[in-house]
Amino acid sequence: MSRNTDFRKWADKHWPGLYVWLLKGQRGASANWIVAWVCGIPPGHACTYPADEDDYQRCLALVRAVPSILTSRMGLDTMGNGWQPWIERLRRDAAEALQ
């Protein structure tokens, strides 16, 4: 079994939708940082908050593709206080999209 297959099985089990998002989603620095955080991978650089509206929209696309990031024990709530305003906005905007 390849590493890719192993990772896909792990991602599908823990973060449904993540593998497809990694392959096809629009990615930015802050969305990549979120993924590194929830996967337990050191991101290799300082925390990256959304720099502009486009960057924020990529984060929102991530949480829409992988909604468990918003609710999991290892999800966004563990990222620290600097992320709290962004997390609240992501939750609000993701919930509005479901209505």
N, C-alpha and C. Protein backbone atom coordinates (compact mmCIF):
# COMPACT_ATOMS: atom_id res chain seq x y z
N MET A 1 0.84 -1.17 0.00
CA MET A 1 0.00 0.00 0.00
C MET A 1 0.89 1.24 0.00
N SER A 2 0.53 2.23 -0.78
CA SER A 2 1.35 3.44 -0.90
C SER A 2 1.05 4.42 0.24
N ARG A 3 1.96 5.35 0.42
CA ARG A 3 1.75 6.40 1.42
C ARG A 3 0.50 7.20 1.10
N ASN A 4 0.28 7.46 -0.19
CA ASN A 4 -0.89 8.21 -0.61
C ASN A 4 -2.17 7.50 -0.20
N THR A 5 -2.23 6.19 -0.40
CA THR A 5 -3.40 5.40 -0.01
C THR A 5 -3.57 5.42 1.50
N ASP A 6 -2.47 5.26 2.23
CA ASP A 6 -2.53 5.31 3.69
C ASP A 6 -3.06 6.65 4.17
N PHE A 7 -2.55 7.74 3.60
CA PHE A 7 -3.00 9.06 4.01
C PHE A 7 -4.47 9.26 3.66
N ARG A 8 -4.86 8.81 2.50
CA ARG A 8 -6.26 8.98 2.11
C ARG A 8 -7.18 8.24 3.07
N LYS A 9 -6.83 7.03 3.45
CA LYS A 9 -7.65 6.28 4.41
C LYS A 9 -7.70 7.01 5.75
N TRP A 10 -6.56 7.51 6.21
CA TRP A 10 -6.52 8.24 7.47
C TRP A 10 -7.38 9.50 7.37
N ALA A 11 -7.20 10.26 6.31
CA ALA A 11 -7.95 11.51 6.14
C ALA A 11 -9.45 11.24 6.05
N ASP A 12 -9.85 10.23 5.30
CA ASP A 12 -11.27 9.91 5.16
C ASP A 12 -11.89 9.50 6.49
N LYS A 13 -11.09 8.86 7.33
CA LYS A 13 -11.59 8.42 8.63
C LYS A 13 -11.72 9.61 9.59
N HIS A 14 -10.72 10.46 9.64
CA HIS A 14 -10.68 11.54 10.63
C HIS A 14 -11.24 12.86 10.13
N TRP A 15 -11.07 13.16 8.87
CA TRP A 15 -11.49 14.45 8.31
C TRP A 15 -12.14 14.22 6.95
N PRO A 16 -13.36 13.65 6.93
CA PRO A 16 -14.01 13.40 5.64
C PRO A 16 -14.06 14.66 4.78
N GLY A 17 -13.66 14.53 3.54
CA GLY A 17 -13.64 15.65 2.61
C GLY A 17 -12.27 16.30 2.46
N LEU A 18 -11.38 16.05 3.41
CA LEU A 18 -10.07 16.71 3.39
C LEU A 18 -9.22 16.29 2.20
N TYR A 19 -9.17 15.02 1.93
CA TYR A 19 -8.31 14.53 0.85
C TYR A 19 -8.70 15.18 -0.49
N VAL A 20 -9.99 15.21 -0.77
CA VAL A 20 -10.45 15.82 -2.03
C VAL A 20 -10.15 17.31 -2.03
N TRP A 21 -10.35 17.97 -0.88
CA TRP A 21 -10.04 19.40 -0.81
C TRP A 21 -8.56 19.64 -1.08
N LEU A 22 -7.69 18.80 -0.51
CA LEU A 22 -6.26 18.96 -0.75
C LEU A 22 -5.92 18.84 -2.23
N LEU A 23 -6.62 17.95 -2.92
CA LEU A 23 -6.34 17.76 -4.34
C LEU A 23 -6.95 18.83 -5.23
N LYS A 24 -8.18 19.27 -4.89
CA LYS A 24 -8.92 20.11 -5.81
C LYS A 24 -9.33 21.47 -5.27
N GLY A 25 -9.24 21.67 -3.95
CA GLY A 25 -9.72 22.91 -3.36
C GLY A 25 -8.81 24.09 -3.63
N GLN A 26 -9.39 25.27 -3.55
CA GLN A 26 -8.58 26.48 -3.66
C GLN A 26 -7.89 26.68 -2.33
N ARG A 27 -6.58 26.71 -2.37
CA ARG A 27 -5.79 26.76 -1.14
C ARG A 27 -5.04 28.06 -1.02
N GLY A 28 -4.89 28.50 0.21
CA GLY A 28 -4.11 29.69 0.53
C GLY A 28 -3.31 29.40 1.78
N ALA A 29 -2.50 30.36 2.18
CA ALA A 29 -1.61 30.15 3.32
C ALA A 29 -2.38 29.84 4.60
N SER A 30 -3.44 30.59 4.88
CA SER A 30 -4.16 30.36 6.14
C SER A 30 -4.95 29.06 6.10
N ALA A 31 -5.55 28.72 4.98
CA ALA A 31 -6.25 27.43 4.87
C ALA A 31 -5.27 26.27 5.01
N ASN A 32 -4.12 26.40 4.38
CA ASN A 32 -3.09 25.35 4.54
C ASN A 32 -2.64 25.26 6.00
N TRP A 33 -2.56 26.39 6.68
CA TRP A 33 -2.15 26.40 8.08
C TRP A 33 -3.19 25.66 8.93
N ILE A 34 -4.48 25.89 8.65
CA ILE A 34 -5.54 25.17 9.36
C ILE A 34 -5.38 23.67 9.18
N VAL A 35 -5.16 23.25 7.95
CA VAL A 35 -5.00 21.82 7.66
C VAL A 35 -3.80 21.25 8.40
N ALA A 36 -2.69 21.95 8.36
CA ALA A 36 -1.50 21.47 9.08
C ALA A 36 -1.81 21.33 10.57
N TRP A 37 -2.49 22.32 11.14
CA TRP A 37 -2.82 22.30 12.57
C TRP A 37 -3.69 21.09 12.92
N VAL A 38 -4.79 20.91 12.22
CA VAL A 38 -5.72 19.84 12.60
C VAL A 38 -5.13 18.46 12.32
N CYS A 39 -4.18 18.37 11.40
CA CYS A 39 -3.54 17.09 11.11
C CYS A 39 -2.34 16.82 12.00
N GLY A 40 -1.97 17.80 12.84
CA GLY A 40 -0.83 17.62 13.73
C GLY A 40 0.51 17.73 13.03
N ILE A 41 0.52 18.43 11.91
CA ILE A 41 1.76 18.60 11.14
C ILE A 41 2.32 19.99 11.44
N PRO A 42 3.56 20.10 11.89
CA PRO A 42 4.12 21.44 12.09
C PRO A 42 4.09 22.21 10.78
N PRO A 43 3.43 23.37 10.74
CA PRO A 43 3.26 24.07 9.47
C PRO A 43 4.55 24.64 8.89
N GLY A 44 5.61 24.75 9.66
CA GLY A 44 6.88 25.22 9.12
C GLY A 44 7.00 26.73 9.05
N HIS A 45 5.99 27.43 9.54
CA HIS A 45 6.06 28.90 9.56
C HIS A 45 5.10 29.40 10.63
N ALA A 46 5.20 30.67 10.92
CA ALA A 46 4.35 31.26 11.96
C ALA A 46 2.88 31.17 11.55
N CYS A 47 2.03 31.25 12.54
CA CYS A 47 0.58 31.22 12.31
C CYS A 47 0.19 32.23 11.25
N THR A 48 -0.63 31.81 10.32
CA THR A 48 -1.06 32.66 9.23
C THR A 48 -2.55 32.88 9.31
N TYR A 49 -2.97 34.09 9.66
CA TYR A 49 -4.38 34.45 9.67
C TYR A 49 -4.78 34.89 8.26
N PRO A 50 -6.06 34.85 7.95
CA PRO A 50 -6.47 35.34 6.63
C PRO A 50 -5.99 36.78 6.41
N ALA A 51 -5.29 36.98 5.33
CA ALA A 51 -4.70 38.29 5.04
C ALA A 51 -5.67 39.24 4.36
N ASP A 52 -6.66 38.68 3.68
CA ASP A 52 -7.63 39.50 2.97
C ASP A 52 -8.89 38.68 2.75
N GLU A 53 -9.87 39.26 2.10
CA GLU A 53 -11.16 38.57 1.91
C GLU A 53 -11.00 37.30 1.06
N ASP A 54 -10.15 37.34 0.05
CA ASP A 54 -9.95 36.14 -0.77
C ASP A 54 -9.36 35.01 0.06
N ASP A 55 -8.41 35.33 0.89
CA ASP A 55 -7.80 34.32 1.77
C ASP A 55 -8.85 33.76 2.73
N TYR A 56 -9.67 34.63 3.30
CA TYR A 56 -10.76 34.17 4.17
C TYR A 56 -11.71 33.24 3.42
N GLN A 57 -12.05 33.59 2.19
CA GLN A 57 -12.96 32.75 1.40
C GLN A 57 -12.39 31.36 1.16
N ARG A 58 -11.07 31.26 1.03
CA ARG A 58 -10.45 29.93 0.89
C ARG A 58 -10.59 29.13 2.18
N CYS A 59 -10.48 29.81 3.34
CA CYS A 59 -10.71 29.13 4.62
C CYS A 59 -12.15 28.67 4.73
N LEU A 60 -13.08 29.52 4.31
CA LEU A 60 -14.49 29.16 4.35
C LEU A 60 -14.77 27.97 3.43
N ALA A 61 -14.16 27.96 2.26
CA ALA A 61 -14.33 26.82 1.36
C ALA A 61 -13.81 25.54 2.01
N LEU A 62 -12.73 25.65 2.76
CA LEU A 62 -12.19 24.49 3.48
C LEU A 62 -13.21 23.97 4.50
N VAL A 63 -13.75 24.85 5.34
CA VAL A 63 -14.68 24.36 6.37
C VAL A 63 -16.00 23.89 5.77
N ARG A 64 -16.36 24.40 4.61
CA ARG A 64 -17.55 23.86 3.93
C ARG A 64 -17.26 22.47 3.37
N ALA A 65 -16.05 22.25 2.89
CA ALA A 65 -15.67 20.94 2.36
C ALA A 65 -15.41 19.92 3.46
N VAL A 66 -14.94 20.41 4.62
CA VAL A 66 -14.58 19.54 5.74
C VAL A 66 -15.23 20.11 7.01
N PRO A 67 -16.55 20.01 7.14
CA PRO A 67 -17.25 20.66 8.25
C PRO A 67 -16.83 20.16 9.63
N SER A 68 -16.30 18.95 9.71
CA SER A 68 -15.88 18.43 11.02
C SER A 68 -14.74 19.24 11.63
N ILE A 69 -14.04 20.03 10.83
CA ILE A 69 -12.99 20.89 11.36
C ILE A 69 -13.57 21.87 12.37
N LEU A 70 -14.82 22.29 12.17
CA LEU A 70 -15.45 23.25 13.08
C LEU A 70 -15.89 22.63 14.40
N THR A 71 -16.09 21.32 14.42
CA THR A 71 -16.68 20.69 15.61
C THR A 71 -15.77 19.72 16.33
N SER A 72 -14.70 19.32 15.71
CA SER A 72 -13.83 18.30 16.29
C SER A 72 -13.02 18.84 17.47
N ARG A 73 -12.68 17.95 18.37
CA ARG A 73 -11.81 18.29 19.51
C ARG A 73 -10.48 18.85 19.06
N MET A 74 -9.97 18.37 17.96
CA MET A 74 -8.67 18.83 17.44
C MET A 74 -8.84 19.90 16.36
N GLY A 75 -10.03 20.44 16.25
CA GLY A 75 -10.30 21.41 15.20
C GLY A 75 -9.88 22.82 15.56
N LEU A 76 -10.62 23.75 15.04
CA LEU A 76 -10.24 25.16 15.14
C LEU A 76 -10.20 25.71 16.55
N ASP A 77 -11.02 25.19 17.45
CA ASP A 77 -11.05 25.74 18.81
C ASP A 77 -9.73 25.59 19.55
N THR A 78 -8.87 24.72 19.09
CA THR A 78 -7.59 24.50 19.76
C THR A 78 -6.48 25.37 19.18
N MET A 79 -6.79 26.24 18.24
CA MET A 79 -5.77 26.99 17.52
C MET A 79 -5.26 28.23 18.23
N GLY A 80 -5.91 28.64 19.29
CA GLY A 80 -5.42 29.81 20.03
C GLY A 80 -6.32 31.02 19.88
N ASN A 81 -6.12 31.96 20.79
CA ASN A 81 -7.00 33.12 20.86
C ASN A 81 -6.97 34.01 19.62
N GLY A 82 -5.86 34.10 18.96
CA GLY A 82 -5.78 34.95 17.78
C GLY A 82 -6.72 34.51 16.66
N TRP A 83 -7.05 33.25 16.66
CA TRP A 83 -7.96 32.72 15.64
C TRP A 83 -9.42 32.88 16.02
N GLN A 84 -9.74 33.21 17.26
CA GLN A 84 -11.14 33.21 17.71
C GLN A 84 -12.07 34.08 16.86
N PRO A 85 -11.71 35.31 16.51
CA PRO A 85 -12.63 36.09 15.65
C PRO A 85 -12.86 35.43 14.30
N TRP A 86 -11.82 34.82 13.75
CA TRP A 86 -11.95 34.13 12.46
C TRP A 86 -12.80 32.89 12.59
N ILE A 87 -12.62 32.15 13.68
CA ILE A 87 -13.40 30.93 13.90
C ILE A 87 -14.88 31.28 14.03
N GLU A 88 -15.19 32.32 14.79
CA GLU A 88 -16.59 32.74 14.96
C GLU A 88 -17.19 33.13 13.61
N ARG A 89 -16.43 33.84 12.81
CA ARG A 89 -16.94 34.23 11.49
C ARG A 89 -17.11 33.01 10.59
N LEU A 90 -16.15 32.09 10.62
CA LEU A 90 -16.27 30.87 9.81
C LEU A 90 -17.51 30.07 10.21
N ARG A 91 -17.73 29.94 11.52
CA ARG A 91 -18.93 29.21 11.98
C ARG A 91 -20.21 29.88 11.49
N ARG A 92 -20.28 31.19 11.65
CA ARG A 92 -21.46 31.94 11.24
C ARG A 92 -21.69 31.82 9.72
N ASP A 93 -20.65 32.03 8.95
CA ASP A 93 -20.80 31.99 7.50
C ASP A 93 -21.08 30.57 6.99
N ALA A 94 -20.47 29.57 7.62
CA ALA A 94 -20.74 28.19 7.21
C ALA A 94 -22.17 27.81 7.55
N ALA A 95 -22.67 28.25 8.71
CA ALA A 95 -24.06 27.95 9.10
C ALA A 95 -25.05 28.62 8.16
N GLU A 96 -24.76 29.85 7.77
CA GLU A 96 -25.65 30.57 6.84
C GLU A 96 -25.73 29.85 5.50
N ALA A 97 -24.63 29.26 5.07
CA ALA A 97 -24.61 28.55 3.79
C ALA A 97 -25.48 27.30 3.84
N LEU A 98 -25.66 26.72 5.03
CA LEU A 98 -26.47 25.50 5.17
C LEU A 98 -27.96 25.80 5.24
N GLN A 99 -28.34 27.05 5.48
CA GLN A 99 -29.76 27.39 5.61
C GLN A 99 -30.44 27.53 4.29
